[in-house]
Amino acid sequence: MKTIILTPTAKECIETVAKRRYWSLVEEYTKTEEIEEEKEAEIEMLRRFLEEEDMGQLRSEIENRVNKGESIQVILQLDEKNNLKVRILTQIRP
């Protein structure tokens, strides 16, 4: 199962982190002449995440947690039926 971990902060919202990772991968991918299925899969997952998820709602939820001092990781996974699953993991900072 392919997994992507995104780590938003108080300075970079989840949408910014995802877009930055997406465009970085696209740039890397276009510079190579060989087909890299791993990068293709990650680019596709990030594209789907950015297009299909409610970024406003996610951003709000994550910002509230970050403002409370929590460390956040957003986990993207594709299940066996190619459905995109999004989980938010929270860790309280000491």
N, C-alpha and C. Protein backbone atom coordinates (compact mmCIF):
# COMPACT_ATOMS: atom_id res chain seq x y z
N MET A 1 0.85 -1.18 0.00
CA MET A 1 0.00 0.00 0.00
C MET A 1 0.90 1.24 0.00
N LYS A 2 0.72 2.11 -0.97
CA LYS A 2 1.50 3.34 -1.08
C LYS A 2 1.07 4.32 0.00
N THR A 3 2.06 4.93 0.66
CA THR A 3 1.79 5.88 1.73
C THR A 3 2.59 7.15 1.52
N ILE A 4 1.96 8.28 1.74
CA ILE A 4 2.62 9.58 1.72
C ILE A 4 2.34 10.24 3.06
N ILE A 5 3.38 10.80 3.67
CA ILE A 5 3.22 11.52 4.93
C ILE A 5 3.52 13.00 4.69
N LEU A 6 2.57 13.84 5.03
CA LEU A 6 2.71 15.29 4.91
C LEU A 6 2.69 15.89 6.31
N THR A 7 3.56 16.85 6.55
CA THR A 7 3.67 17.45 7.88
C THR A 7 3.45 18.96 7.80
N PRO A 8 2.21 19.40 7.98
CA PRO A 8 1.94 20.83 7.99
C PRO A 8 2.43 21.46 9.30
N THR A 9 2.68 22.75 9.25
CA THR A 9 3.14 23.48 10.44
C THR A 9 2.32 24.76 10.58
N ALA A 10 2.65 25.54 11.58
CA ALA A 10 1.97 26.83 11.76
C ALA A 10 2.29 27.77 10.61
N LYS A 11 3.44 27.56 9.96
CA LYS A 11 3.85 28.44 8.86
C LYS A 11 3.42 27.94 7.49
N GLU A 12 3.12 26.64 7.36
CA GLU A 12 2.72 26.06 6.08
C GLU A 12 1.51 25.16 6.27
N CYS A 13 0.39 25.56 5.67
CA CYS A 13 -0.83 24.77 5.79
C CYS A 13 -0.71 23.48 4.98
N ILE A 14 -1.64 22.59 5.18
CA ILE A 14 -1.62 21.29 4.51
C ILE A 14 -1.67 21.43 2.99
N GLU A 15 -2.41 22.39 2.49
CA GLU A 15 -2.50 22.58 1.04
C GLU A 15 -1.15 23.02 0.48
N THR A 16 -0.48 23.93 1.15
CA THR A 16 0.83 24.40 0.71
C THR A 16 1.85 23.27 0.73
N VAL A 17 1.85 22.48 1.79
CA VAL A 17 2.78 21.35 1.90
C VAL A 17 2.54 20.34 0.77
N ALA A 18 1.27 20.04 0.51
CA ALA A 18 0.93 19.07 -0.54
C ALA A 18 1.30 19.60 -1.92
N LYS A 19 0.99 20.87 -2.19
CA LYS A 19 1.32 21.45 -3.49
C LYS A 19 2.84 21.51 -3.70
N ARG A 20 3.57 21.88 -2.68
CA ARG A 20 5.02 21.95 -2.80
C ARG A 20 5.60 20.57 -3.12
N ARG A 21 5.12 19.56 -2.43
CA ARG A 21 5.59 18.19 -2.69
C ARG A 21 5.19 17.74 -4.09
N TYR A 22 3.97 18.04 -4.49
CA TYR A 22 3.47 17.68 -5.82
C TYR A 22 4.36 18.29 -6.90
N TRP A 23 4.57 19.61 -6.85
CA TRP A 23 5.33 20.27 -7.90
C TRP A 23 6.80 19.87 -7.89
N SER A 24 7.34 19.59 -6.73
CA SER A 24 8.72 19.10 -6.64
C SER A 24 8.85 17.75 -7.35
N LEU A 25 7.90 16.87 -7.12
CA LEU A 25 7.91 15.56 -7.78
C LEU A 25 7.70 15.68 -9.28
N VAL A 26 6.79 16.56 -9.69
CA VAL A 26 6.55 16.76 -11.13
C VAL A 26 7.83 17.25 -11.79
N GLU A 27 8.50 18.19 -11.15
CA GLU A 27 9.75 18.72 -11.71
C GLU A 27 10.81 17.63 -11.83
N GLU A 28 10.97 16.83 -10.77
CA GLU A 28 11.93 15.72 -10.81
C GLU A 28 11.57 14.73 -11.92
N TYR A 29 10.28 14.43 -12.01
CA TYR A 29 9.80 13.43 -12.97
C TYR A 29 10.05 13.88 -14.41
N THR A 30 9.83 15.15 -14.68
CA THR A 30 9.98 15.64 -16.06
C THR A 30 11.45 15.77 -16.47
N LYS A 31 12.35 15.78 -15.52
CA LYS A 31 13.77 15.89 -15.84
C LYS A 31 14.41 14.56 -16.18
N THR A 32 13.73 13.47 -15.92
CA THR A 32 14.30 12.16 -16.20
C THR A 32 13.66 11.55 -17.44
N GLU A 33 14.41 10.76 -18.13
CA GLU A 33 13.90 10.13 -19.34
C GLU A 33 13.26 8.77 -19.07
N GLU A 34 13.51 8.22 -17.91
CA GLU A 34 12.94 6.91 -17.61
C GLU A 34 11.63 7.06 -16.86
N ILE A 35 10.78 6.09 -17.01
CA ILE A 35 9.49 6.10 -16.33
C ILE A 35 9.70 5.58 -14.91
N GLU A 36 9.28 6.39 -13.96
CA GLU A 36 9.41 6.02 -12.55
C GLU A 36 8.01 5.84 -11.98
N GLU A 37 7.60 4.59 -11.90
CA GLU A 37 6.24 4.29 -11.45
C GLU A 37 5.97 4.78 -10.03
N GLU A 38 6.99 4.72 -9.19
CA GLU A 38 6.84 5.18 -7.80
C GLU A 38 6.49 6.67 -7.77
N LYS A 39 7.20 7.46 -8.53
CA LYS A 39 6.92 8.90 -8.58
C LYS A 39 5.57 9.17 -9.23
N GLU A 40 5.25 8.43 -10.28
CA GLU A 40 3.94 8.59 -10.93
C GLU A 40 2.81 8.36 -9.93
N ALA A 41 2.96 7.31 -9.13
CA ALA A 41 1.93 6.97 -8.15
C ALA A 41 1.80 8.06 -7.09
N GLU A 42 2.93 8.58 -6.64
CA GLU A 42 2.91 9.63 -5.62
C GLU A 42 2.31 10.92 -6.19
N ILE A 43 2.67 11.27 -7.41
CA ILE A 43 2.11 12.46 -8.06
C ILE A 43 0.59 12.32 -8.19
N GLU A 44 0.14 11.14 -8.60
CA GLU A 44 -1.29 10.90 -8.76
C GLU A 44 -2.02 10.98 -7.42
N MET A 45 -1.44 10.43 -6.38
CA MET A 45 -2.06 10.50 -5.05
C MET A 45 -2.19 11.94 -4.58
N LEU A 46 -1.12 12.71 -4.75
CA LEU A 46 -1.16 14.11 -4.33
C LEU A 46 -2.16 14.91 -5.17
N ARG A 47 -2.23 14.63 -6.47
CA ARG A 47 -3.20 15.31 -7.33
C ARG A 47 -4.62 15.03 -6.85
N ARG A 48 -4.90 13.77 -6.58
CA ARG A 48 -6.23 13.40 -6.10
C ARG A 48 -6.54 14.06 -4.76
N PHE A 49 -5.56 14.05 -3.87
CA PHE A 49 -5.74 14.67 -2.56
C PHE A 49 -6.10 16.15 -2.72
N LEU A 50 -5.34 16.86 -3.54
CA LEU A 50 -5.57 18.30 -3.73
C LEU A 50 -6.90 18.59 -4.43
N GLU A 51 -7.33 17.72 -5.33
CA GLU A 51 -8.57 17.96 -6.07
C GLU A 51 -9.82 17.45 -5.36
N GLU A 52 -9.69 16.36 -4.62
CA GLU A 52 -10.88 15.69 -4.07
C GLU A 52 -11.20 16.06 -2.62
N GLU A 53 -10.20 16.43 -1.86
CA GLU A 53 -10.44 16.71 -0.44
C GLU A 53 -10.89 18.15 -0.24
N ASP A 54 -11.64 18.37 0.84
CA ASP A 54 -12.09 19.71 1.20
C ASP A 54 -10.95 20.40 1.94
N MET A 55 -10.14 21.15 1.20
CA MET A 55 -8.94 21.77 1.78
C MET A 55 -9.29 22.79 2.86
N GLY A 56 -10.37 23.52 2.69
CA GLY A 56 -10.77 24.50 3.70
C GLY A 56 -11.05 23.84 5.03
N GLN A 57 -11.80 22.76 4.99
CA GLN A 57 -12.14 22.04 6.22
C GLN A 57 -10.89 21.42 6.85
N LEU A 58 -10.05 20.78 6.03
CA LEU A 58 -8.82 20.17 6.54
C LEU A 58 -7.90 21.23 7.14
N ARG A 59 -7.72 22.31 6.42
CA ARG A 59 -6.84 23.39 6.87
C ARG A 59 -7.31 23.92 8.23
N SER A 60 -8.60 24.14 8.35
CA SER A 60 -9.17 24.64 9.60
C SER A 60 -8.93 23.67 10.75
N GLU A 61 -9.23 22.40 10.51
CA GLU A 61 -9.05 21.38 11.54
C GLU A 61 -7.59 21.28 11.97
N ILE A 62 -6.69 21.28 11.02
CA ILE A 62 -5.27 21.15 11.32
C ILE A 62 -4.74 22.40 12.02
N GLU A 63 -5.12 23.58 11.54
CA GLU A 63 -4.67 24.82 12.17
C GLU A 63 -5.11 24.89 13.62
N ASN A 64 -6.34 24.45 13.92
CA ASN A 64 -6.80 24.44 15.31
C ASN A 64 -5.91 23.55 16.17
N ARG A 65 -5.55 22.39 15.66
CA ARG A 65 -4.70 21.47 16.41
C ARG A 65 -3.29 22.02 16.58
N VAL A 66 -2.74 22.60 15.52
CA VAL A 66 -1.39 23.17 15.58
C VAL A 66 -1.36 24.32 16.58
N ASN A 67 -2.40 25.15 16.59
CA ASN A 67 -2.47 26.27 17.53
C ASN A 67 -2.58 25.82 18.97
N LYS A 68 -3.02 24.59 19.19
CA LYS A 68 -3.09 24.02 20.54
C LYS A 68 -1.76 23.38 20.94
N GLY A 69 -0.76 23.45 20.05
CA GLY A 69 0.55 22.90 20.36
C GLY A 69 0.73 21.46 19.93
N GLU A 70 -0.15 20.99 19.09
CA GLU A 70 -0.05 19.60 18.63
C GLU A 70 0.79 19.52 17.36
N SER A 71 1.51 18.43 17.21
CA SER A 71 2.28 18.15 16.00
C SER A 71 1.41 17.25 15.12
N ILE A 72 1.28 17.61 13.85
CA ILE A 72 0.35 16.93 12.96
C ILE A 72 1.08 16.25 11.81
N GLN A 73 0.60 15.07 11.46
CA GLN A 73 1.01 14.39 10.24
C GLN A 73 -0.26 13.97 9.51
N VAL A 74 -0.30 14.24 8.22
CA VAL A 74 -1.42 13.81 7.39
C VAL A 74 -0.93 12.64 6.57
N ILE A 75 -1.59 11.50 6.71
CA ILE A 75 -1.21 10.27 6.05
C ILE A 75 -2.16 10.00 4.88
N LEU A 76 -1.59 9.88 3.69
CA LEU A 76 -2.37 9.54 2.50
C LEU A 76 -2.04 8.11 2.12
N GLN A 77 -3.06 7.32 1.87
CA GLN A 77 -2.86 5.93 1.45
C GLN A 77 -3.90 5.55 0.41
N LEU A 78 -3.50 4.66 -0.48
CA LEU A 78 -4.43 4.06 -1.42
C LEU A 78 -4.74 2.66 -0.94
N ASP A 79 -6.03 2.32 -0.86
CA ASP A 79 -6.38 0.97 -0.45
C ASP A 79 -6.35 0.03 -1.66
N GLU A 80 -6.72 -1.20 -1.45
CA GLU A 80 -6.66 -2.21 -2.52
C GLU A 80 -7.62 -1.91 -3.68
N LYS A 81 -8.63 -1.07 -3.43
CA LYS A 81 -9.58 -0.68 -4.48
C LYS A 81 -9.23 0.68 -5.08
N ASN A 82 -8.02 1.18 -4.78
CA ASN A 82 -7.51 2.44 -5.29
C ASN A 82 -8.27 3.65 -4.74
N ASN A 83 -8.90 3.49 -3.58
CA ASN A 83 -9.56 4.61 -2.90
C ASN A 83 -8.52 5.34 -2.07
N LEU A 84 -8.56 6.67 -2.12
CA LEU A 84 -7.63 7.48 -1.35
C LEU A 84 -8.16 7.63 0.07
N LYS A 85 -7.33 7.26 1.03
CA LYS A 85 -7.68 7.38 2.45
C LYS A 85 -6.80 8.46 3.06
N VAL A 86 -7.40 9.34 3.84
CA VAL A 86 -6.67 10.43 4.49
C VAL A 86 -6.86 10.30 5.99
N ARG A 87 -5.73 10.23 6.72
CA ARG A 87 -5.79 10.16 8.18
C ARG A 87 -4.96 11.30 8.75
N ILE A 88 -5.40 11.84 9.87
CA ILE A 88 -4.64 12.87 10.55
C ILE A 88 -4.15 12.30 11.87
N LEU A 89 -2.84 12.28 12.03
CA LEU A 89 -2.24 11.81 13.28
C LEU A 89 -1.78 13.01 14.08
N THR A 90 -2.06 12.97 15.36
CA THR A 90 -1.72 14.09 16.24
C THR A 90 -0.80 13.61 17.35
N GLN A 91 0.20 14.41 17.63
CA GLN A 91 1.08 14.14 18.76
C GLN A 91 1.18 15.41 19.57
N ILE A 92 0.92 15.29 20.86
CA ILE A 92 0.99 16.44 21.76
C ILE A 92 2.47 16.73 22.02
N ARG A 93 2.85 17.98 21.83
CA ARG A 93 4.23 18.38 22.11
C ARG A 93 4.41 18.53 23.61
N PRO A 94 5.53 18.07 24.14
CA PRO A 94 5.77 18.21 25.60
C PRO A 94 5.98 19.64 26.02
